[in-house]
Amino acid sequence: MELRELQGYASFFMTIFLVVMLYGYIIHLYRSEKKGENDYERFGNIALDDEISSDPVVPNPKAQKENEEQNK
């Protein structure tokens, strides 16, 4: 088995592996959205709504507590 042939096999199996990983990730995103764990569609608005005064996509409870403490 020459090096060229080995590189061909490695390339083929790496491509198959990456395709399986991609489909696995897509299925993971779909299932977690269906369960209600995350809503990934709201992250699509990040590029459209990028003003400095915009509300965060995912609120940070730690930052909210700090803001409440500072406002007292």
N, C-alpha and C. Protein backbone atom coordinates (compact mmCIF):
# COMPACT_ATOMS: atom_id res chain seq x y z
N MET A 1 0.85 -1.17 0.00
CA MET A 1 0.00 0.00 0.00
C MET A 1 0.90 1.23 0.00
N GLU A 2 0.73 2.05 -0.99
CA GLU A 2 1.54 3.26 -1.11
C GLU A 2 0.94 4.39 -0.30
N LEU A 3 1.71 5.42 -0.12
CA LEU A 3 1.28 6.58 0.65
C LEU A 3 0.10 7.27 -0.03
N ARG A 4 0.11 7.35 -1.34
CA ARG A 4 -0.96 8.01 -2.08
C ARG A 4 -2.30 7.30 -1.86
N GLU A 5 -2.26 5.98 -1.86
CA GLU A 5 -3.48 5.20 -1.65
C GLU A 5 -3.97 5.36 -0.20
N LEU A 6 -3.06 5.39 0.74
CA LEU A 6 -3.41 5.59 2.14
C LEU A 6 -4.03 6.97 2.36
N GLN A 7 -3.50 7.99 1.69
CA GLN A 7 -4.07 9.33 1.79
C GLN A 7 -5.49 9.36 1.22
N GLY A 8 -5.73 8.64 0.17
CA GLY A 8 -7.07 8.57 -0.41
C GLY A 8 -8.07 7.94 0.54
N TYR A 9 -7.70 6.83 1.16
CA TYR A 9 -8.57 6.18 2.13
C TYR A 9 -8.82 7.10 3.34
N ALA A 10 -7.77 7.73 3.82
CA ALA A 10 -7.91 8.63 4.97
C ALA A 10 -8.83 9.79 4.65
N SER A 11 -8.69 10.35 3.46
CA SER A 11 -9.55 11.45 3.05
C SER A 11 -11.01 11.01 2.97
N PHE A 12 -11.25 9.83 2.40
CA PHE A 12 -12.61 9.31 2.28
C PHE A 12 -13.24 9.10 3.65
N PHE A 13 -12.52 8.43 4.56
CA PHE A 13 -13.08 8.16 5.87
C PHE A 13 -13.22 9.42 6.72
N MET A 14 -12.35 10.39 6.54
CA MET A 14 -12.48 11.65 7.26
C MET A 14 -13.71 12.41 6.78
N THR A 15 -13.98 12.37 5.49
CA THR A 15 -15.18 13.01 4.95
C THR A 15 -16.44 12.37 5.50
N ILE A 16 -16.47 11.04 5.53
CA ILE A 16 -17.62 10.33 6.08
C ILE A 16 -17.80 10.67 7.56
N PHE A 17 -16.72 10.69 8.31
CA PHE A 17 -16.77 11.02 9.73
C PHE A 17 -17.33 12.43 9.96
N LEU A 18 -16.86 13.39 9.18
CA LEU A 18 -17.32 14.76 9.34
C LEU A 18 -18.79 14.92 8.95
N VAL A 19 -19.25 14.19 7.95
CA VAL A 19 -20.66 14.23 7.57
C VAL A 19 -21.52 13.68 8.69
N VAL A 20 -21.10 12.57 9.30
CA VAL A 20 -21.84 11.98 10.41
C VAL A 20 -21.88 12.96 11.59
N MET A 21 -20.77 13.60 11.88
CA MET A 21 -20.73 14.58 12.97
C MET A 21 -21.66 15.77 12.68
N LEU A 22 -21.68 16.24 11.46
CA LEU A 22 -22.55 17.35 11.09
C LEU A 22 -24.02 16.98 11.28
N TYR A 23 -24.43 15.82 10.78
CA TYR A 23 -25.81 15.40 10.95
C TYR A 23 -26.15 15.17 12.42
N GLY A 24 -25.22 14.67 13.20
CA GLY A 24 -25.44 14.50 14.63
C GLY A 24 -25.66 15.83 15.32
N TYR A 25 -24.89 16.84 14.95
CA TYR A 25 -25.04 18.16 15.53
C TYR A 25 -26.38 18.78 15.14
N ILE A 26 -26.78 18.61 13.89
CA ILE A 26 -28.07 19.13 13.43
C ILE A 26 -29.21 18.47 14.20
N ILE A 27 -29.12 17.16 14.40
CA ILE A 27 -30.15 16.45 15.16
C ILE A 27 -30.17 16.92 16.61
N HIS A 28 -29.00 17.15 17.19
CA HIS A 28 -28.92 17.66 18.56
C HIS A 28 -29.61 19.02 18.68
N LEU A 29 -29.35 19.92 17.74
CA LEU A 29 -29.98 21.24 17.78
C LEU A 29 -31.49 21.12 17.63
N TYR A 30 -31.94 20.28 16.74
CA TYR A 30 -33.37 20.09 16.51
C TYR A 30 -34.06 19.54 17.75
N ARG A 31 -33.46 18.53 18.37
CA ARG A 31 -34.08 17.92 19.56
C ARG A 31 -34.09 18.87 20.74
N SER A 32 -33.01 19.61 20.96
CA SER A 32 -32.99 20.53 22.10
C SER A 32 -33.97 21.68 21.90
N GLU A 33 -34.20 22.07 20.67
CA GLU A 33 -35.19 23.12 20.42
C GLU A 33 -36.60 22.58 20.64
N LYS A 34 -36.85 21.34 20.24
CA LYS A 34 -38.17 20.73 20.43
C LYS A 34 -38.47 20.52 21.92
N LYS A 35 -37.45 20.20 22.71
CA LYS A 35 -37.65 19.99 24.15
C LYS A 35 -37.87 21.31 24.87
N GLY A 36 -37.54 22.42 24.23
CA GLY A 36 -37.70 23.71 24.87
C GLY A 36 -36.48 24.15 25.66
N GLU A 37 -35.37 23.47 25.51
CA GLU A 37 -34.16 23.85 26.24
C GLU A 37 -33.57 25.15 25.70
N ASN A 38 -33.52 25.28 24.39
CA ASN A 38 -32.97 26.47 23.76
C ASN A 38 -33.82 26.85 22.56
N ASP A 39 -33.86 28.15 22.29
CA ASP A 39 -34.56 28.64 21.10
C ASP A 39 -33.50 29.29 20.21
N TYR A 40 -33.02 28.52 19.25
CA TYR A 40 -31.91 28.99 18.43
C TYR A 40 -32.33 30.00 17.38
N GLU A 41 -33.61 30.13 17.11
CA GLU A 41 -34.05 31.09 16.09
C GLU A 41 -33.84 32.52 16.55
N ARG A 42 -33.87 32.77 17.84
CA ARG A 42 -33.66 34.14 18.31
C ARG A 42 -32.21 34.59 18.12
N PHE A 43 -31.29 33.63 18.01
CA PHE A 43 -29.90 34.01 17.74
C PHE A 43 -29.72 34.51 16.32
N GLY A 44 -30.66 34.23 15.43
CA GLY A 44 -30.60 34.72 14.06
C GLY A 44 -30.76 36.23 13.97
N ASN A 45 -31.33 36.83 14.99
CA ASN A 45 -31.54 38.28 14.98
C ASN A 45 -30.33 39.06 15.46
N ILE A 46 -29.28 38.38 15.86
CA ILE A 46 -28.10 39.08 16.37
C ILE A 46 -27.51 39.99 15.29
N ALA A 47 -27.44 39.52 14.08
CA ALA A 47 -26.85 40.32 13.00
C ALA A 47 -27.78 41.46 12.59
N LEU A 48 -29.07 41.28 12.73
CA LEU A 48 -30.02 42.31 12.32
C LEU A 48 -30.19 43.38 13.39
N ASP A 49 -30.15 43.00 14.63
CA ASP A 49 -30.37 43.93 15.74
C ASP A 49 -29.08 44.08 16.53
N ASP A 50 -28.17 44.89 16.02
CA ASP A 50 -26.85 44.99 16.64
C ASP A 50 -26.55 46.38 17.19
N GLU A 51 -27.58 47.06 17.65
CA GLU A 51 -27.38 48.37 18.27
C GLU A 51 -26.78 48.19 19.67
N ILE A 52 -26.08 49.19 20.14
CA ILE A 52 -25.47 49.11 21.46
C ILE A 52 -26.53 49.12 22.55
N SER A 53 -27.68 49.71 22.27
CA SER A 53 -28.76 49.78 23.26
C SER A 53 -29.72 48.60 23.18
N SER A 54 -29.46 47.63 22.33
CA SER A 54 -30.33 46.47 22.17
C SER A 54 -30.28 45.58 23.40
N ASP A 55 -31.39 44.92 23.66
CA ASP A 55 -31.44 43.96 24.76
C ASP A 55 -30.62 42.73 24.40
N PRO A 56 -29.99 42.09 25.38
CA PRO A 56 -29.24 40.86 25.10
C PRO A 56 -30.18 39.75 24.65
N VAL A 57 -29.66 38.86 23.83
CA VAL A 57 -30.46 37.74 23.35
C VAL A 57 -30.77 36.80 24.51
N VAL A 58 -29.76 36.49 25.30
CA VAL A 58 -29.94 35.65 26.48
C VAL A 58 -29.62 36.49 27.70
N PRO A 59 -30.60 36.75 28.54
CA PRO A 59 -30.34 37.58 29.71
C PRO A 59 -29.39 36.88 30.68
N ASN A 60 -28.51 37.64 31.26
CA ASN A 60 -27.54 37.12 32.22
C ASN A 60 -28.04 37.45 33.62
N PRO A 61 -28.46 36.45 34.39
CA PRO A 61 -29.01 36.73 35.72
C PRO A 61 -28.01 37.39 36.66
N LYS A 62 -26.74 37.08 36.51
CA LYS A 62 -25.72 37.68 37.37
C LYS A 62 -25.61 39.18 37.09
N ALA A 63 -25.64 39.55 35.83
CA ALA A 63 -25.57 40.97 35.47
C ALA A 63 -26.82 41.70 35.92
N GLN A 64 -27.97 41.05 35.87
CA GLN A 64 -29.22 41.69 36.31
C GLN A 64 -29.17 41.96 37.81
N LYS A 65 -28.63 41.02 38.60
CA LYS A 65 -28.51 41.23 40.04
C LYS A 65 -27.58 42.41 40.34
N GLU A 66 -26.48 42.49 39.59
CA GLU A 66 -25.54 43.59 39.80
C GLU A 66 -26.19 44.92 39.46
N ASN A 67 -26.98 44.97 38.40
CA ASN A 67 -27.67 46.21 38.03
C ASN A 67 -28.70 46.60 39.08
N GLU A 68 -29.41 45.62 39.64
CA GLU A 68 -30.38 45.91 40.69
C GLU A 68 -29.70 46.43 41.94
N GLU A 69 -28.55 45.87 42.28
CA GLU A 69 -27.82 46.33 43.46
C GLU A 69 -27.29 47.74 43.27
N GLN A 70 -26.85 48.08 42.06
CA GLN A 70 -26.34 49.41 41.80
C GLN A 70 -27.45 50.45 41.78
N ASN A 71 -28.64 50.06 41.39
CA ASN A 71 -29.76 51.00 41.33
C ASN A 71 -30.38 51.28 42.69
N LYS A 72 -30.03 50.50 43.72
CA LYS A 72 -30.59 50.74 45.06
C LYS A 72 -29.97 51.92 45.73
